[in-house]
Amino acid sequence: MVASERERLALYGRLKEVIGVDNADTFFGLLPRAGFEEVATRADLERWTAAAKSDLEQWRTATQADLEQWRAATKADLDQWRAATQADLEAWRAATKADLDQWRAATKADLDQWRADTKADLDHWCTVTRHEMQQGLAHLRSSLLTALIGVVVAIYAATLGAVVALVHFG
């Protein structure tokens, strides 16, 4: 049975007369405003607790399953990315090695050409220098021979002059 608001006010008025205002206020403060059918019982609380535990267990199981799926998917993605990255790195390594081999061969060819050009230039300058030295030596030899002949002629003339002077003046 639910008491009407008028019945509640009549009970409150009588309690104020019997136990005093403060005690009547305290007593009515402890009672539910609507009626006792709105108050939860221990059985209600146990049912709600059991239902909450069941819900939490289902959520925990579902969450664990989701996390396991995400872990497996993430591991698969990481494995795939690792394999792709390794393949990319291997391709880059091979391409870099090919580039380096090509540059090494080109550099070697350039150095060989430079060496050949330098050797040709040196050979040319050696030939030119040798020819100029031979010409210089031939000219020097000719000049020395001319000078030597002049000296010999001078000595011969002096000797002949001395012999003629001895024969004449004698």
C-alpha atoms as a PDB file:
ATOM      1  CA  MET A   1       0.000   0.000   0.000  1.00  0.00           C
ATOM      2  CA  VAL A   2       1.251   3.408  -1.011  1.00  0.00           C
ATOM      3  CA  ALA A   3       0.441   6.322   1.211  1.00  0.00           C
ATOM      4  CA  SER A   4      -0.913   9.482  -0.381  1.00  0.00           C
ATOM      5  CA  GLU A   5       0.788  12.798   0.112  1.00  0.00           C
ATOM      6  CA  ARG A   6      -2.022  13.929   2.409  1.00  0.00           C
ATOM      7  CA  GLU A   7      -1.604  10.843   4.608  1.00  0.00           C
ATOM      8  CA  ARG A   8       2.151  11.430   4.776  1.00  0.00           C
ATOM      9  CA  LEU A   9       1.620  15.039   5.880  1.00  0.00           C
ATOM     10  CA  ALA A  10      -0.899  13.936   8.572  1.00  0.00           C
ATOM     11  CA  LEU A  11       1.575  11.344   9.903  1.00  0.00           C
ATOM     12  CA  TYR A  12       4.346  13.979   9.924  1.00  0.00           C
ATOM     13  CA  GLY A  13       2.138  16.409  11.882  1.00  0.00           C
ATOM     14  CA  ARG A  14       1.304  13.751  14.523  1.00  0.00           C
ATOM     15  CA  LEU A  15       4.983  12.736  14.846  1.00  0.00           C
ATOM     16  CA  LYS A  16       5.967  16.363  15.470  1.00  0.00           C
ATOM     17  CA  GLU A  17       3.507  16.432  18.358  1.00  0.00           C
ATOM     18  CA  VAL A  18       4.690  13.129  19.824  1.00  0.00           C
ATOM     19  CA  ILE A  19       8.480  13.079  19.275  1.00  0.00           C
ATOM     20  CA  GLY A  20       9.272  16.697  18.396  1.00  0.00           C
ATOM     21  CA  VAL A  21      10.144  18.577  15.188  1.00  0.00           C
ATOM     22  CA  ASP A  22      13.804  17.545  14.977  1.00  0.00           C
ATOM     23  CA  ASN A  23      13.060  13.858  15.501  1.00  0.00           C
ATOM     24  CA  ALA A  24      10.144  13.943  13.042  1.00  0.00           C
ATOM     25  CA  ASP A  25      12.409  15.583  10.417  1.00  0.00           C
ATOM     26  CA  THR A  26      15.098  12.936  10.999  1.00  0.00           C
ATOM     27  CA  PHE A  27      12.585  10.077  10.768  1.00  0.00           C
ATOM     28  CA  PHE A  28      11.027  11.370   7.547  1.00  0.00           C
ATOM     29  CA  GLY A  29      14.509  12.035   6.116  1.00  0.00           C
ATOM     30  CA  LEU A  30      15.235   8.309   6.484  1.00  0.00           C
ATOM     31  CA  LEU A  31      12.093   7.173   4.652  1.00  0.00           C
ATOM     32  CA  PRO A  32      11.887   6.991   0.865  1.00  0.00           C
ATOM     33  CA  ARG A  33       9.743   9.703  -0.732  1.00  0.00           C
ATOM     34  CA  ALA A  34       7.790   7.351  -2.948  1.00  0.00           C
ATOM     35  CA  GLY A  35       7.195   4.142  -1.146  1.00  0.00           C
ATOM     36  CA  PHE A  36       8.994   1.011  -0.164  1.00  0.00           C
ATOM     37  CA  GLU A  37       8.328  -0.723  -3.463  1.00  0.00           C
ATOM     38  CA  GLU A  38      11.028   1.628  -4.896  1.00  0.00           C
ATOM     39  CA  VAL A  39      13.654   0.494  -2.376  1.00  0.00           C
ATOM     40  CA  ALA A  40      16.102  -2.149  -3.645  1.00  0.00           C
ATOM     41  CA  THR A  41      16.329  -5.385  -1.730  1.00  0.00           C
ATOM     42  CA  ARG A  42      19.367  -7.527  -1.050  1.00  0.00           C
ATOM     43  CA  ALA A  43      18.174  -9.974  -3.710  1.00  0.00           C
ATOM     44  CA  ASP A  44      17.928  -7.092  -6.193  1.00  0.00           C
ATOM     45  CA  LEU A  45      21.500  -6.069  -5.394  1.00  0.00           C
ATOM     46  CA  GLU A  46      22.754  -9.661  -5.723  1.00  0.00           C
ATOM     47  CA  ARG A  47      21.025 -10.025  -9.115  1.00  0.00           C
ATOM     48  CA  TRP A  48      22.486  -6.726 -10.333  1.00  0.00           C
ATOM     49  CA  THR A  49      25.948  -7.698  -9.044  1.00  0.00           C
ATOM     50  CA  ALA A  50      25.761 -11.079 -10.782  1.00  0.00           C
ATOM     51  CA  ALA A  51      24.577  -9.442 -14.012  1.00  0.00           C
ATOM     52  CA  ALA A  52      27.357  -6.830 -13.806  1.00  0.00           C
ATOM     53  CA  LYS A  53      29.982  -9.542 -13.191  1.00  0.00           C
ATOM     54  CA  SER A  54      28.655 -11.509 -16.152  1.00  0.00           C
ATOM     55  CA  ASP A  55      28.730  -8.417 -18.373  1.00  0.00           C
ATOM     56  CA  LEU A  56      32.251  -7.551 -17.254  1.00  0.00           C
ATOM     57  CA  GLU A  57      33.438 -11.125 -17.919  1.00  0.00           C
ATOM     58  CA  GLN A  58      31.899 -11.044 -21.405  1.00  0.00           C
ATOM     59  CA  TRP A  59      33.527  -7.684 -22.114  1.00  0.00           C
ATOM     60  CA  ARG A  60      36.875  -8.954 -20.782  1.00  0.00           C
ATOM     61  CA  THR A  61      36.695 -12.050 -22.998  1.00  0.00           C
ATOM     62  CA  ALA A  62      35.657  -9.992 -26.016  1.00  0.00           C
ATOM     63  CA  THR A  63      38.410  -7.457 -25.318  1.00  0.00           C
ATOM     64  CA  GLN A  64      41.020 -10.214 -24.991  1.00  0.00           C
ATOM     65  CA  ALA A  65      39.859 -11.711 -28.288  1.00  0.00           C
ATOM     66  CA  ASP A  66      40.003  -8.290 -29.962  1.00  0.00           C
ATOM     67  CA  LEU A  67      43.462  -7.620 -28.556  1.00  0.00           C
ATOM     68  CA  GLU A  68      44.684 -11.035 -29.758  1.00  0.00           C
ATOM     69  CA  GLN A  69      43.291 -10.341 -33.236  1.00  0.00           C
ATOM     70  CA  TRP A  70      44.938  -6.917 -33.288  1.00  0.00           C
ATOM     71  CA  ARG A  71      48.235  -8.409 -32.065  1.00  0.00           C
ATOM     72  CA  ALA A  72      48.157 -11.083 -34.766  1.00  0.00           C
ATOM     73  CA  ALA A  73      47.217  -8.554 -37.456  1.00  0.00           C
ATOM     74  CA  THR A  74      49.917  -6.144 -36.283  1.00  0.00           C
ATOM     75  CA  LYS A  75      52.514  -8.936 -36.226  1.00  0.00           C
ATOM     76  CA  ALA A  76      51.506  -9.977 -39.733  1.00  0.00           C
ATOM     77  CA  ASP A  77      51.738  -6.347 -40.916  1.00  0.00           C
ATOM     78  CA  LEU A  78      55.141  -5.922 -39.282  1.00  0.00           C
ATOM     79  CA  ASP A  79      56.401  -9.195 -40.793  1.00  0.00           C
ATOM     80  CA  GLN A  80      55.164  -8.075 -44.213  1.00  0.00           C
ATOM     81  CA  TRP A  81      56.751  -4.621 -43.831  1.00  0.00           C
ATOM     82  CA  ARG A  82      60.013  -6.194 -42.621  1.00  0.00           C
ATOM     83  CA  ALA A  83      60.122  -8.503 -45.649  1.00  0.00           C
ATOM     84  CA  ALA A  84      59.307  -5.630 -48.011  1.00  0.00           C
ATOM     85  CA  THR A  85      61.932  -3.412 -46.362  1.00  0.00           C
ATOM     86  CA  GLN A  86      64.535  -6.169 -46.624  1.00  0.00           C
ATOM     87  CA  ALA A  87      63.693  -6.630 -50.287  1.00  0.00           C
ATOM     88  CA  ASP A  88      63.943  -2.856 -50.849  1.00  0.00           C
ATOM     89  CA  LEU A  89      67.272  -2.687 -49.025  1.00  0.00           C
ATOM     90  CA  GLU A  90      68.620  -5.619 -51.057  1.00  0.00           C
ATOM     91  CA  ALA A  91      67.495  -3.964 -54.292  1.00  0.00           C
ATOM     92  CA  TRP A  92      69.092  -0.663 -53.222  1.00  0.00           C
ATOM     93  CA  ARG A  93      72.292  -2.487 -52.241  1.00  0.00           C
ATOM     94  CA  ALA A  94      72.448  -4.226 -55.613  1.00  0.00           C
ATOM     95  CA  ALA A  95      71.712  -0.982 -57.481  1.00  0.00           C
ATOM     96  CA  THR A  96      74.321   0.904 -55.445  1.00  0.00           C
ATOM     97  CA  LYS A  97      76.892  -1.835 -56.074  1.00  0.00           C
ATOM     98  CA  ALA A  98      76.127  -1.712 -59.796  1.00  0.00           C
ATOM     99  CA  ASP A  99      76.491   2.084 -59.762  1.00  0.00           C
ATOM    100  CA  LEU A 100      79.774   1.858 -57.857  1.00  0.00           C
ATOM    101  CA  ASP A 101      81.082  -0.816 -60.238  1.00  0.00           C
ATOM    102  CA  GLN A 102      80.098   1.360 -63.194  1.00  0.00           C
ATOM    103  CA  TRP A 103      81.726   4.450 -61.663  1.00  0.00           C
ATOM    104  CA  ARG A 104      84.844   2.446 -60.803  1.00  0.00           C
ATOM    105  CA  ALA A 105      85.103   1.163 -64.376  1.00  0.00           C
ATOM    106  CA  ALA A 106      84.519   4.657 -65.786  1.00  0.00           C
ATOM    107  CA  THR A 107      87.088   6.156 -63.405  1.00  0.00           C
ATOM    108  CA  LYS A 108      89.601   3.444 -64.313  1.00  0.00           C
ATOM    109  CA  ALA A 109      89.005   4.112 -68.009  1.00  0.00           C
ATOM    110  CA  ASP A 110      89.442   7.854 -67.408  1.00  0.00           C
ATOM    111  CA  LEU A 111      92.657   7.257 -65.470  1.00  0.00           C
ATOM    112  CA  ASP A 112      93.965   4.863 -68.134  1.00  0.00           C
ATOM    113  CA  GLN A 113      93.174   7.455 -70.818  1.00  0.00           C
ATOM    114  CA  TRP A 114      94.816  10.203 -68.765  1.00  0.00           C
ATOM    115  CA  ARG A 115      97.889   8.006 -68.230  1.00  0.00           C
ATOM    116  CA  ALA A 116      98.062   7.228 -71.949  1.00  0.00           C
ATOM    117  CA  ASP A 117      97.643  10.904 -72.853  1.00  0.00           C
ATOM    118  CA  THR A 118     100.287  11.909 -70.307  1.00  0.00           C
ATOM    119  CA  LYS A 119     102.674   9.222 -71.579  1.00  0.00           C
ATOM    120  CA  ALA A 120     102.111  10.396 -75.162  1.00  0.00           C
ATOM    121  CA  ASP A 121     102.772  14.008 -74.108  1.00  0.00           C
ATOM    122  CA  LEU A 122     105.926  12.971 -72.230  1.00  0.00           C
ATOM    123  CA  ASP A 123     107.112  10.858 -75.166  1.00  0.00           C
ATOM    124  CA  HIS A 124     106.523  13.810 -77.504  1.00  0.00           C
ATOM    125  CA  TRP A 125     108.365  16.252 -75.241  1.00  0.00           C
ATOM    126  CA  CYS A 126     111.200  13.774 -74.727  1.00  0.00           C
ATOM    127  CA  THR A 127     111.522  13.363 -78.506  1.00  0.00           C
ATOM    128  CA  VAL A 128     111.423  17.134 -79.065  1.00  0.00           C
ATOM    129  CA  THR A 129     113.954  17.716 -76.268  1.00  0.00           C
ATOM    130  CA  ARG A 130     116.224  14.924 -77.561  1.00  0.00           C
ATOM    131  CA  HIS A 131     116.051  16.377 -81.086  1.00  0.00           C
ATOM    132  CA  GLU A 132     116.814  19.893 -79.805  1.00  0.00           C
ATOM    133  CA  MET A 133     119.733  18.539 -77.758  1.00  0.00           C
ATOM    134  CA  GLN A 134     121.066  16.642 -80.758  1.00  0.00           C
ATOM    135  CA  GLN A 135     120.812  19.805 -82.844  1.00  0.00           C
ATOM    136  CA  GLY A 136     122.507  21.787 -80.088  1.00  0.00           C
ATOM    137  CA  LEU A 137     125.253  19.177 -79.768  1.00  0.00           C
ATOM    138  CA  ALA A 138     125.759  19.082 -83.552  1.00  0.00           C
ATOM    139  CA  HIS A 139     126.029  22.876 -83.608  1.00  0.00           C
ATOM    140  CA  LEU A 140     128.392  22.786 -80.610  1.00  0.00           C
ATOM    141  CA  ARG A 141     130.461  20.055 -82.275  1.00  0.00           C
ATOM    142  CA  SER A 142     130.599  22.085 -85.465  1.00  0.00           C
ATOM    143  CA  SER A 143     131.603  25.223 -83.555  1.00  0.00           C
ATOM    144  CA  LEU A 144     134.246  23.317 -81.576  1.00  0.00           C
ATOM    145  CA  LEU A 145     135.598  21.690 -84.756  1.00  0.00           C
ATOM    146  CA  THR A 146     135.748  25.081 -86.450  1.00  0.00           C
ATOM    147  CA  ALA A 147     137.536  26.544 -83.423  1.00  0.00           C
ATOM    148  CA  LEU A 148     139.903  23.582 -83.238  1.00  0.00           C
ATOM    149  CA  ILE A 149     140.705  23.856 -86.923  1.00  0.00           C
ATOM    150  CA  GLY A 150     141.349  27.575 -86.393  1.00  0.00           C
ATOM    151  CA  VAL A 151     143.698  26.781 -83.509  1.00  0.00           C
ATOM    152  CA  VAL A 152     145.452  24.063 -85.523  1.00  0.00           C
ATOM    153  CA  VAL A 153     145.789  26.389 -88.517  1.00  0.00           C
ATOM    154  CA  ALA A 154     147.116  29.132 -86.228  1.00  0.00           C
ATOM    155  CA  ILE A 155     149.617  26.747 -84.639  1.00  0.00           C
ATOM    156  CA  TYR A 156     150.598  25.416 -88.086  1.00  0.00           C
ATOM    157  CA  ALA A 157     150.971  28.924 -89.396  1.00  0.00           C
ATOM    158  CA  ALA A 158     153.018  29.946 -86.390  1.00  0.00           C
ATOM    159  CA  THR A 159     155.174  26.835 -86.700  1.00  0.00           C
ATOM    160  CA  LEU A 160     155.583  27.348 -90.432  1.00  0.00           C
ATOM    161  CA  GLY A 161     156.436  30.998 -89.836  1.00  0.00           C
ATOM    162  CA  ALA A 162     159.011  29.969 -87.262  1.00  0.00           C
ATOM    163  CA  VAL A 163     160.498  27.350 -89.610  1.00  0.00           C
ATOM    164  CA  VAL A 164     160.616  29.845 -92.475  1.00  0.00           C
ATOM    165  CA  ALA A 165     162.257  32.397 -90.197  1.00  0.00           C
ATOM    166  CA  LEU A 166     164.843  29.862 -89.094  1.00  0.00           C
ATOM    167  CA  VAL A 167     165.554  28.818 -92.648  1.00  0.00           C
ATOM    168  CA  HIS A 168     165.878  32.369 -93.796  1.00  0.00           C
ATOM    169  CA  PHE A 169     167.642  33.806 -90.881  1.00  0.00           C
ATOM    170  CA  GLY A 170     169.210  30.880 -89.784  1.00  0.00           C
END
